[in-house]
Amino acid sequence: MIILIADSGSTKCDWLAIDETGKELGQFSTIGLNPYFHSSNLVEQVLTSQIEMMQIAQNVGKVFFYGAGSSSKEMCSIIEVGLSRVFSHAEILVAHDLNGAAYSTWSGEPAITCILGTGSNSCFFDGIDIYEEVPSLAYILGDEGSGSWFGKRLLRSFFYKKLPQHIHDDFVSEFGLSVTEVNKRVYTEPNPNVFLASFMKFIAKHRDADIVKTWLEDGFGTFLDSHVTCYENHQQVPVHFIGSVAYHFSDHLHLACEKRGIQMGNLIKKPIEGLAKYHVECILQ
């Protein structure tokens, strides 16, 4: 029997096929599948266009899908329906990406696990139960310290003419975006959070600029103050981080944690390998 494990952010979904002993059978990648932006039909379409995935589809017996946006029964069902059309012989479990994050960072002791990628969120996992102290409010109201949050900072600073001249000129040279084009991408086209987060490479390019350092300090500080210090024991347990933003800006994140007496635990860019280990050791037994 093939077991398929998926970790999906809003931008990208990593898939890992293993057997019951944990032996890797293959890795795949698709766009991120978020039920707030994608339908069951689109989930099916994305998977059926993946040739390697379809070669094993009929032999998949279990699918564990952990995804951004899969935070309620209604949202999970959108993904589940799409998956069931492709993996017709499989038992399918769809859960929030927070569950996947907590499982992938599990090191045998209670901990807070945070996601800092396209979006942001946190949870506490004691080895049995996972709970959120405060909800994620997504890219419009929340997602503090995420790629979409920093993308908004950059765009606002550009259009309000607050960027240093050399960064302003580089932005014009690289993107050439008008306010009309940006408003269209953000307010009328699909996946606006992914569009906003796509500017992280540009922000990384200018990470030594004072204005960017201020954004990073503000973003990570606001995230920790909203999504980590809300846990009463946040200074007594390790705090794990997952996601490309946490990974690539770990120096700034570490400073923000130090200021608040927060003990950084595991720092992982992609949780898929940790998920395989957890499932073999803790779920498939």
C-alpha atoms as a PDB file:
ATOM      1  CA  MET A   1       0.000   0.000   0.000  1.00  0.00           C
ATOM      2  CA  ILE A   2       1.196   3.497  -0.853  1.00  0.00           C
ATOM      3  CA  ILE A   3       0.728   6.262   1.707  1.00  0.00           C
ATOM      4  CA  LEU A   4       0.650   9.810   0.386  1.00  0.00           C
ATOM      5  CA  ILE A   5       1.428  12.749   2.677  1.00  0.00           C
ATOM      6  CA  ALA A   6       0.903  16.354   1.591  1.00  0.00           C
ATOM      7  CA  ASP A   7       1.947  19.632   3.154  1.00  0.00           C
ATOM      8  CA  SER A   8       0.262  22.547   1.419  1.00  0.00           C
ATOM      9  CA  GLY A   9       0.831  26.231   1.929  1.00  0.00           C
ATOM     10  CA  SER A  10      -0.972  28.794  -0.185  1.00  0.00           C
ATOM     11  CA  THR A  11       1.898  28.947  -2.676  1.00  0.00           C
ATOM     12  CA  LYS A  12       3.170  25.380  -2.963  1.00  0.00           C
ATOM     13  CA  CYS A  13       2.186  21.843  -1.972  1.00  0.00           C
ATOM     14  CA  ASP A  14       4.825  19.187  -1.262  1.00  0.00           C
ATOM     15  CA  TRP A  15       3.792  15.536  -1.671  1.00  0.00           C
ATOM     16  CA  LEU A  16       5.649  12.490  -0.376  1.00  0.00           C
ATOM     17  CA  ALA A  17       4.800   8.870  -1.190  1.00  0.00           C
ATOM     18  CA  ILE A  18       5.989   6.240   1.301  1.00  0.00           C
ATOM     19  CA  ASP A  19       5.263   2.619   2.107  1.00  0.00           C
ATOM     20  CA  GLU A  20       4.140   1.391   5.537  1.00  0.00           C
ATOM     21  CA  THR A  21       7.737   1.178   6.781  1.00  0.00           C
ATOM     22  CA  GLY A  22       8.450   4.775   5.847  1.00  0.00           C
ATOM     23  CA  LYS A  23      10.511   3.995   2.769  1.00  0.00           C
ATOM     24  CA  GLU A  24      10.304   6.859   0.318  1.00  0.00           C
ATOM     25  CA  LEU A  25       8.678   5.996  -3.000  1.00  0.00           C
ATOM     26  CA  GLY A  26       8.591   9.411  -4.603  1.00  0.00           C
ATOM     27  CA  GLN A  27       8.267  13.175  -4.137  1.00  0.00           C
ATOM     28  CA  PHE A  28       6.024  15.539  -6.073  1.00  0.00           C
ATOM     29  CA  SER A  29       5.172  19.213  -6.093  1.00  0.00           C
ATOM     30  CA  THR A  30       2.058  21.126  -7.140  1.00  0.00           C
ATOM     31  CA  ILE A  31       0.653  24.579  -6.558  1.00  0.00           C
ATOM     32  CA  GLY A  32      -0.673  25.163  -3.066  1.00  0.00           C
ATOM     33  CA  LEU A  33      -4.262  24.009  -2.625  1.00  0.00           C
ATOM     34  CA  ASN A  34      -6.230  26.336  -0.367  1.00  0.00           C
ATOM     35  CA  PRO A  35     -10.019  25.831  -0.168  1.00  0.00           C
ATOM     36  CA  TYR A  36     -10.563  29.561   0.274  1.00  0.00           C
ATOM     37  CA  PHE A  37      -9.246  30.097  -3.240  1.00  0.00           C
ATOM     38  CA  HIS A  38      -9.557  26.676  -4.941  1.00  0.00           C
ATOM     39  CA  SER A  39     -12.531  24.424  -5.700  1.00  0.00           C
ATOM     40  CA  SER A  40     -12.795  20.631  -5.611  1.00  0.00           C
ATOM     41  CA  ASN A  41     -12.712  20.686  -9.404  1.00  0.00           C
ATOM     42  CA  LEU A  42      -9.432  22.590  -9.409  1.00  0.00           C
ATOM     43  CA  VAL A  43      -7.905  20.170  -6.859  1.00  0.00           C
ATOM     44  CA  GLU A  44      -8.810  17.294  -9.189  1.00  0.00           C
ATOM     45  CA  GLN A  45      -7.492  19.148 -12.231  1.00  0.00           C
ATOM     46  CA  VAL A  46      -4.145  19.954 -10.596  1.00  0.00           C
ATOM     47  CA  LEU A  47      -3.568  16.356  -9.505  1.00  0.00           C
ATOM     48  CA  THR A  48      -4.652  14.675 -12.731  1.00  0.00           C
ATOM     49  CA  SER A  49      -2.215  16.878 -14.659  1.00  0.00           C
ATOM     50  CA  GLN A  50       0.656  15.478 -12.559  1.00  0.00           C
ATOM     51  CA  ILE A  51       1.861  12.446 -14.560  1.00  0.00           C
ATOM     52  CA  GLU A  52       3.929  10.850 -11.792  1.00  0.00           C
ATOM     53  CA  MET A  53       1.065  11.242  -9.344  1.00  0.00           C
ATOM     54  CA  MET A  54      -1.380   9.536 -11.675  1.00  0.00           C
ATOM     55  CA  GLN A  55       0.980   6.590 -12.159  1.00  0.00           C
ATOM     56  CA  ILE A  56       0.536   5.629  -8.494  1.00  0.00           C
ATOM     57  CA  ALA A  57      -3.006   6.937  -7.877  1.00  0.00           C
ATOM     58  CA  GLN A  58      -4.773   3.561  -7.989  1.00  0.00           C
ATOM     59  CA  ASN A  59      -2.328   2.068  -5.471  1.00  0.00           C
ATOM     60  CA  VAL A  60      -2.666   4.816  -2.863  1.00  0.00           C
ATOM     61  CA  GLY A  61      -4.381   3.442   0.249  1.00  0.00           C
ATOM     62  CA  LYS A  62      -4.101   6.438   2.582  1.00  0.00           C
ATOM     63  CA  VAL A  63      -3.808  10.172   2.007  1.00  0.00           C
ATOM     64  CA  PHE A  64      -2.883  12.590   4.773  1.00  0.00           C
ATOM     65  CA  PHE A  65      -3.345  16.168   3.548  1.00  0.00           C
ATOM     66  CA  TYR A  66      -2.401  19.137   5.733  1.00  0.00           C
ATOM     67  CA  GLY A  67      -3.198  22.473   4.178  1.00  0.00           C
ATOM     68  CA  ALA A  68      -3.515  26.211   4.636  1.00  0.00           C
ATOM     69  CA  GLY A  69      -7.194  27.133   4.824  1.00  0.00           C
ATOM     70  CA  SER A  70      -8.316  23.606   5.760  1.00  0.00           C
ATOM     71  CA  SER A  71      -9.429  24.848   9.153  1.00  0.00           C
ATOM     72  CA  SER A  72     -13.081  23.809   9.292  1.00  0.00           C
ATOM     73  CA  LYS A  73     -15.208  20.829   8.262  1.00  0.00           C
ATOM     74  CA  GLU A  74     -16.625  22.808   5.343  1.00  0.00           C
ATOM     75  CA  MET A  75     -13.216  23.887   4.054  1.00  0.00           C
ATOM     76  CA  CYS A  76     -11.681  20.426   4.529  1.00  0.00           C
ATOM     77  CA  SER A  77     -14.510  18.847   2.540  1.00  0.00           C
ATOM     78  CA  ILE A  78     -13.616  20.931  -0.543  1.00  0.00           C
ATOM     79  CA  ILE A  79     -10.135  19.408  -0.588  1.00  0.00           C
ATOM     80  CA  GLU A  80     -11.384  15.945   0.387  1.00  0.00           C
ATOM     81  CA  VAL A  81     -13.855  15.775  -2.486  1.00  0.00           C
ATOM     82  CA  GLY A  82     -11.172  16.705  -5.008  1.00  0.00           C
ATOM     83  CA  LEU A  83      -8.738  14.153  -3.569  1.00  0.00           C
ATOM     84  CA  SER A  84     -11.324  11.373  -3.491  1.00  0.00           C
ATOM     85  CA  ARG A  85     -11.939  11.742  -7.223  1.00  0.00           C
ATOM     86  CA  VAL A  86      -8.263  11.059  -7.906  1.00  0.00           C
ATOM     87  CA  PHE A  87      -7.439   8.553  -5.143  1.00  0.00           C
ATOM     88  CA  SER A  88     -10.627   6.531  -5.374  1.00  0.00           C
ATOM     89  CA  HIS A  89      -9.380   3.580  -3.290  1.00  0.00           C
ATOM     90  CA  ALA A  90      -7.834   5.616  -0.492  1.00  0.00           C
ATOM     91  CA  GLU A  91      -8.812   6.546   3.019  1.00  0.00           C
ATOM     92  CA  ILE A  92      -8.441  10.336   3.078  1.00  0.00           C
ATOM     93  CA  LEU A  93      -7.746  12.659   6.002  1.00  0.00           C
ATOM     94  CA  VAL A  94      -7.678  16.418   5.449  1.00  0.00           C
ATOM     95  CA  ALA A  95      -6.574  18.691   8.278  1.00  0.00           C
ATOM     96  CA  HIS A  96      -5.184  22.147   8.901  1.00  0.00           C
ATOM     97  CA  ASP A  97      -1.577  22.969   8.040  1.00  0.00           C
ATOM     98  CA  LEU A  98      -1.110  23.740  11.736  1.00  0.00           C
ATOM     99  CA  ASN A  99      -1.598  20.046  12.481  1.00  0.00           C
ATOM    100  CA  GLY A 100       1.056  19.189   9.931  1.00  0.00           C
ATOM    101  CA  ALA A 101       3.390  21.814  11.359  1.00  0.00           C
ATOM    102  CA  ALA A 102       2.962  20.491  14.899  1.00  0.00           C
ATOM    103  CA  TYR A 103       3.521  16.876  13.828  1.00  0.00           C
ATOM    104  CA  SER A 104       6.572  17.671  11.734  1.00  0.00           C
ATOM    105  CA  THR A 105       8.350  19.524  14.554  1.00  0.00           C
ATOM    106  CA  TRP A 106       7.383  17.116  17.342  1.00  0.00           C
ATOM    107  CA  SER A 107      10.440  16.244  19.421  1.00  0.00           C
ATOM    108  CA  GLY A 108       8.817  14.468  22.354  1.00  0.00           C
ATOM    109  CA  GLU A 109       7.917  17.475  24.512  1.00  0.00           C
ATOM    110  CA  PRO A 110       5.082  20.028  24.515  1.00  0.00           C
ATOM    111  CA  ALA A 111       5.815  23.003  22.288  1.00  0.00           C
ATOM    112  CA  ILE A 112       4.400  25.960  20.418  1.00  0.00           C
ATOM    113  CA  THR A 113       4.690  25.627  16.652  1.00  0.00           C
ATOM    114  CA  CYS A 114       4.495  28.619  14.309  1.00  0.00           C
ATOM    115  CA  ILE A 115       4.058  28.951  10.567  1.00  0.00           C
ATOM    116  CA  LEU A 116       5.737  31.889   8.851  1.00  0.00           C
ATOM    117  CA  GLY A 117       5.404  31.511   5.100  1.00  0.00           C
ATOM    118  CA  THR A 118       2.911  33.049   2.685  1.00  0.00           C
ATOM    119  CA  GLY A 119       0.664  33.347   5.743  1.00  0.00           C
ATOM    120  CA  SER A 120       1.221  32.960   9.483  1.00  0.00           C
ATOM    121  CA  ASN A 121      -0.304  31.095  12.404  1.00  0.00           C
ATOM    122  CA  SER A 122       0.549  29.267  15.626  1.00  0.00           C
ATOM    123  CA  CYS A 123      -0.614  26.395  17.804  1.00  0.00           C
ATOM    124  CA  PHE A 124       0.297  24.467  20.952  1.00  0.00           C
ATOM    125  CA  PHE A 125       0.846  20.699  20.776  1.00  0.00           C
ATOM    126  CA  ASP A 126       1.315  18.540  23.871  1.00  0.00           C
ATOM    127  CA  GLY A 127       1.722  15.284  21.963  1.00  0.00           C
ATOM    128  CA  ILE A 128      -2.004  14.504  22.006  1.00  0.00           C
ATOM    129  CA  ASP A 129      -4.039  17.654  21.489  1.00  0.00           C
ATOM    130  CA  ILE A 130      -3.456  20.658  19.234  1.00  0.00           C
ATOM    131  CA  TYR A 131      -5.099  23.961  20.007  1.00  0.00           C
ATOM    132  CA  GLU A 132      -4.945  27.592  18.918  1.00  0.00           C
ATOM    133  CA  GLU A 133      -5.071  30.364  21.497  1.00  0.00           C
ATOM    134  CA  VAL A 134      -5.976  32.984  18.877  1.00  0.00           C
ATOM    135  CA  PRO A 135      -7.176  32.479  15.293  1.00  0.00           C
ATOM    136  CA  SER A 136      -5.452  33.332  12.062  1.00  0.00           C
ATOM    137  CA  LEU A 137      -7.183  36.297  10.415  1.00  0.00           C
ATOM    138  CA  ALA A 138      -5.611  35.673   6.988  1.00  0.00           C
ATOM    139  CA  TYR A 139      -3.928  38.151   4.696  1.00  0.00           C
ATOM    140  CA  ILE A 140      -6.322  41.110   5.018  1.00  0.00           C
ATOM    141  CA  LEU A 141      -6.764  41.297   8.797  1.00  0.00           C
ATOM    142  CA  GLY A 142      -3.838  39.219  10.020  1.00  0.00           C
ATOM    143  CA  ASP A 143      -0.933  37.066   8.757  1.00  0.00           C
ATOM    144  CA  GLU A 144       1.500  39.166  10.780  1.00  0.00           C
ATOM    145  CA  GLY A 145       5.147  38.492   9.934  1.00  0.00           C
ATOM    146  CA  SER A 146       4.261  36.528   6.794  1.00  0.00           C
ATOM    147  CA  GLY A 147       5.243  36.967   3.175  1.00  0.00           C
ATOM    148  CA  SER A 148       1.912  38.602   2.379  1.00  0.00           C
ATOM    149  CA  TRP A 149       2.314  40.990   5.345  1.00  0.00           C
ATOM    150  CA  PHE A 150       5.777  42.089   4.220  1.00  0.00           C
ATOM    151  CA  GLY A 151       4.603  42.333   0.613  1.00  0.00           C
ATOM    152  CA  LYS A 152       1.943  44.810   1.669  1.00  0.00           C
ATOM    153  CA  ARG A 153       4.563  46.835   3.532  1.00  0.00           C
ATOM    154  CA  LEU A 154       6.742  47.030   0.431  1.00  0.00           C
ATOM    155  CA  LEU A 155       3.896  48.010  -1.894  1.00  0.00           C
ATOM    156  CA  ARG A 156       2.553  50.668   0.465  1.00  0.00           C
ATOM    157  CA  SER A 157       6.017  52.149   0.913  1.00  0.00           C
ATOM    158  CA  PHE A 158       6.585  52.168  -2.843  1.00  0.00           C
ATOM    159  CA  PHE A 159       3.341  53.895  -3.777  1.00  0.00           C
ATOM    160  CA  TYR A 160       3.498  56.313  -0.825  1.00  0.00           C
ATOM    161  CA  LYS A 161       7.057  57.196  -1.937  1.00  0.00           C
ATOM    162  CA  LYS A 162       8.648  56.116   1.341  1.00  0.00           C
ATOM    163  CA  LEU A 163      11.340  53.858  -0.115  1.00  0.00           C
ATOM    164  CA  PRO A 164      14.990  54.955  -0.365  1.00  0.00           C
ATOM    165  CA  GLN A 165      15.650  56.071  -3.933  1.00  0.00           C
ATOM    166  CA  HIS A 166      17.867  53.109  -4.873  1.00  0.00           C
ATOM    167  CA  ILE A 167      15.241  50.605  -3.696  1.00  0.00           C
ATOM    168  CA  HIS A 168      12.477  52.572  -5.422  1.00  0.00           C
ATOM    169  CA  ASP A 169      14.421  52.561  -8.693  1.00  0.00           C
ATOM    170  CA  ASP A 170      15.198  48.855  -8.374  1.00  0.00           C
ATOM    171  CA  PHE A 171      11.515  48.111  -7.805  1.00  0.00           C
ATOM    172  CA  VAL A 172      10.545  50.046 -10.926  1.00  0.00           C
ATOM    173  CA  SER A 173      13.245  48.264 -12.929  1.00  0.00           C
ATOM    174  CA  GLU A 174      12.283  44.801 -11.730  1.00  0.00           C
ATOM    175  CA  PHE A 175       8.486  45.009 -11.648  1.00  0.00           C
ATOM    176  CA  GLY A 176       7.268  48.180 -13.378  1.00  0.00           C
ATOM    177  CA  LEU A 177       3.897  47.839 -11.664  1.00  0.00           C
ATOM    178  CA  SER A 178       1.305  50.581 -11.666  1.00  0.00           C
ATOM    179  CA  VAL A 179      -1.153  51.099  -8.818  1.00  0.00           C
ATOM    180  CA  THR A 180      -3.934  49.966 -11.176  1.00  0.00           C
ATOM    181  CA  GLU A 181      -2.155  46.680 -11.891  1.00  0.00           C
ATOM    182  CA  VAL A 182      -1.492  46.043  -8.200  1.00  0.00           C
ATOM    183  CA  ASN A 183      -5.082  46.805  -7.185  1.00  0.00           C
ATOM    184  CA  LYS A 184      -6.305  44.431  -9.878  1.00  0.00           C
ATOM    185  CA  ARG A 185      -4.026  41.628  -8.652  1.00  0.00           C
ATOM    186  CA  VAL A 186      -5.006  42.177  -5.025  1.00  0.00           C
ATOM    187  CA  TYR A 187      -8.738  42.850  -5.318  1.00  0.00           C
ATOM    188  CA  THR A 188     -10.025  41.073  -8.410  1.00  0.00           C
ATOM    189  CA  GLU A 189      -7.685  38.217  -9.366  1.00  0.00           C
ATOM    190  CA  PRO A 190      -7.169  34.814  -7.672  1.00  0.00           C
ATOM    191  CA  ASN A 191      -4.566  34.149  -4.947  1.00  0.00           C
ATOM    192  CA  PRO A 192      -3.857  37.742  -3.858  1.00  0.00           C
ATOM    193  CA  ASN A 193      -1.966  36.473  -0.792  1.00  0.00           C
ATOM    194  CA  VAL A 194       0.456  34.573  -3.032  1.00  0.00           C
ATOM    195  CA  PHE A 195       0.937  37.673  -5.187  1.00  0.00           C
ATOM    196  CA  LEU A 196       1.760  39.767  -2.118  1.00  0.00           C
ATOM    197  CA  ALA A 197       4.176  37.154  -0.772  1.00  0.00           C
ATOM    198  CA  SER A 198       5.957  36.932  -4.129  1.00  0.00           C
ATOM    199  CA  PHE A 199       7.860  40.123  -3.262  1.00  0.00           C
ATOM    200  CA  MET A 200       9.847  38.405  -0.502  1.00  0.00           C
ATOM    201  CA  LYS A 201      12.781  37.732  -2.848  1.00  0.00           C
ATOM    202  CA  PHE A 202      12.994  41.443  -3.583  1.00  0.00           C
ATOM    203  CA  ILE A 203      12.769  42.247   0.122  1.00  0.00           C
ATOM    204  CA  ALA A 204      15.541  39.709   0.824  1.00  0.00           C
ATOM    205  CA  LYS A 205      17.676  41.420  -1.811  1.00  0.00           C
ATOM    206  CA  HIS A 206      17.477  44.632   0.228  1.00  0.00           C
ATOM    207  CA  ARG A 207      17.477  43.061   3.690  1.00  0.00           C
ATOM    208  CA  ASP A 208      20.410  45.254   4.827  1.00  0.00           C
ATOM    209  CA  ALA A 209      18.503  48.494   4.241  1.00  0.00           C
ATOM    210  CA  ASP A 210      17.311  50.214   7.416  1.00  0.00           C
ATOM    211  CA  ILE A 211      13.714  50.358   6.220  1.00  0.00           C
ATOM    212  CA  VAL A 212      13.646  46.602   5.577  1.00  0.00           C
ATOM    213  CA  LYS A 213      15.244  45.888   8.961  1.00  0.00           C
ATOM    214  CA  THR A 214      12.449  47.955  10.528  1.00  0.00           C
ATOM    215  CA  TRP A 215       9.809  45.942   8.652  1.00  0.00           C
ATOM    216  CA  LEU A 216      11.353  42.672   9.803  1.00  0.00           C
ATOM    217  CA  GLU A 217      11.542  43.825  13.411  1.00  0.00           C
ATOM    218  CA  ASP A 218       7.942  45.077  13.316  1.00  0.00           C
ATOM    219  CA  GLY A 219       6.590  42.044  11.485  1.00  0.00           C
ATOM    220  CA  PHE A 220       8.195  39.370  13.631  1.00  0.00           C
ATOM    221  CA  GLY A 221       7.563  41.361  16.801  1.00  0.00           C
ATOM    222  CA  THR A 222       3.885  41.787  15.985  1.00  0.00           C
ATOM    223  CA  PHE A 223       3.588  38.094  15.146  1.00  0.00           C
ATOM    224  CA  LEU A 224       5.206  36.977  18.407  1.00  0.00           C
ATOM    225  CA  ASP A 225       3.182  39.461  20.469  1.00  0.00           C
ATOM    226  CA  SER A 226      -0.069  38.296  18.842  1.00  0.00           C
ATOM    227  CA  HIS A 227       0.491  34.576  18.264  1.00  0.00           C
ATOM    228  CA  VAL A 228       3.111  33.380  20.777  1.00  0.00           C
ATOM    229  CA  THR A 229       2.987  35.450  23.959  1.00  0.00           C
ATOM    230  CA  CYS A 230      -0.737  34.667  24.103  1.00  0.00           C
ATOM    231  CA  TYR A 231       0.230  31.199  25.413  1.00  0.00           C
ATOM    232  CA  GLU A 232       0.789  31.401  29.174  1.00  0.00           C
ATOM    233  CA  ASN A 233       3.763  29.040  29.042  1.00  0.00           C
ATOM    234  CA  HIS A 234       5.465  30.630  26.019  1.00  0.00           C
ATOM    235  CA  GLN A 235       8.696  31.184  27.965  1.00  0.00           C
ATOM    236  CA  GLN A 236       8.762  27.656  29.401  1.00  0.00           C
ATOM    237  CA  VAL A 237       8.431  25.576  26.214  1.00  0.00           C
ATOM    238  CA  PRO A 238      10.353  25.555  22.932  1.00  0.00           C
ATOM    239  CA  VAL A 239       8.826  27.514  20.073  1.00  0.00           C
ATOM    240  CA  HIS A 240       9.296  25.840  16.692  1.00  0.00           C
ATOM    241  CA  PHE A 241       9.092  27.666  13.365  1.00  0.00           C
ATOM    242  CA  ILE A 242       8.213  26.417   9.900  1.00  0.00           C
ATOM    243  CA  GLY A 243       8.150  28.191   6.553  1.00  0.00           C
ATOM    244  CA  SER A 244      10.319  30.014   4.055  1.00  0.00           C
ATOM    245  CA  VAL A 245      10.047  33.429   5.743  1.00  0.00           C
ATOM    246  CA  ALA A 246      11.142  32.043   9.126  1.00  0.00           C
ATOM    247  CA  TYR A 247      13.927  30.066   7.450  1.00  0.00           C
ATOM    248  CA  HIS A 248      15.409  32.820   5.285  1.00  0.00           C
ATOM    249  CA  PHE A 249      15.127  35.571   7.901  1.00  0.00           C
ATOM    250  CA  SER A 250      16.021  33.469  10.928  1.00  0.00           C
ATOM    251  CA  ASP A 251      18.567  36.011  12.201  1.00  0.00           C
ATOM    252  CA  HIS A 252      15.919  38.708  12.577  1.00  0.00           C
ATOM    253  CA  LEU A 253      13.424  36.206  13.975  1.00  0.00           C
ATOM    254  CA  HIS A 254      15.956  35.031  16.551  1.00  0.00           C
ATOM    255  CA  LEU A 255      16.526  38.616  17.729  1.00  0.00           C
ATOM    256  CA  ALA A 256      12.779  39.174  18.088  1.00  0.00           C
ATOM    257  CA  CYS A 257      12.500  35.970  20.152  1.00  0.00           C
ATOM    258  CA  GLU A 258      15.444  36.911  22.361  1.00  0.00           C
ATOM    259  CA  LYS A 259      13.820  40.259  23.185  1.00  0.00           C
ATOM    260  CA  ARG A 260      10.791  38.419  24.540  1.00  0.00           C
ATOM    261  CA  GLY A 261      12.549  35.582  26.349  1.00  0.00           C
ATOM    262  CA  ILE A 262      11.276  33.058  23.801  1.00  0.00           C
ATOM    263  CA  GLN A 263      13.296  29.872  23.312  1.00  0.00           C
ATOM    264  CA  MET A 264      13.567  29.044  19.598  1.00  0.00           C
ATOM    265  CA  GLY A 265      13.262  25.330  18.950  1.00  0.00           C
ATOM    266  CA  ASN A 266      13.349  23.619  15.566  1.00  0.00           C
ATOM    267  CA  LEU A 267      13.512  25.819  12.466  1.00  0.00           C
ATOM    268  CA  ILE A 268      12.342  24.013   9.333  1.00  0.00           C
ATOM    269  CA  LYS A 269      11.806  25.329   5.831  1.00  0.00           C
ATOM    270  CA  LYS A 270       9.720  22.387   4.620  1.00  0.00           C
ATOM    271  CA  PRO A 271       7.952  20.065   7.082  1.00  0.00           C
ATOM    272  CA  ILE A 272       7.319  17.173   4.691  1.00  0.00           C
ATOM    273  CA  GLU A 273      10.209  14.949   5.881  1.00  0.00           C
ATOM    274  CA  GLY A 274       9.269  15.424   9.527  1.00  0.00           C
ATOM    275  CA  LEU A 275       5.691  14.548   8.661  1.00  0.00           C
ATOM    276  CA  ALA A 276       6.746  11.207   7.170  1.00  0.00           C
ATOM    277  CA  LYS A 277       8.723  10.339  10.309  1.00  0.00           C
ATOM    278  CA  TYR A 278       5.834  11.301  12.599  1.00  0.00           C
ATOM    279  CA  HIS A 279       3.283   9.286  10.661  1.00  0.00           C
ATOM    280  CA  VAL A 280       5.403   6.149  10.585  1.00  0.00           C
ATOM    281  CA  GLU A 281       6.236   6.367  14.295  1.00  0.00           C
ATOM    282  CA  CYS A 282       3.024   7.744  15.773  1.00  0.00           C
ATOM    283  CA  ILE A 283       0.054   7.269  13.421  1.00  0.00           C
ATOM    284  CA  LEU A 284       0.610   4.182  11.275  1.00  0.00           C
ATOM    285  CA  GLN A 285       1.536   1.895  14.181  1.00  0.00           C
END
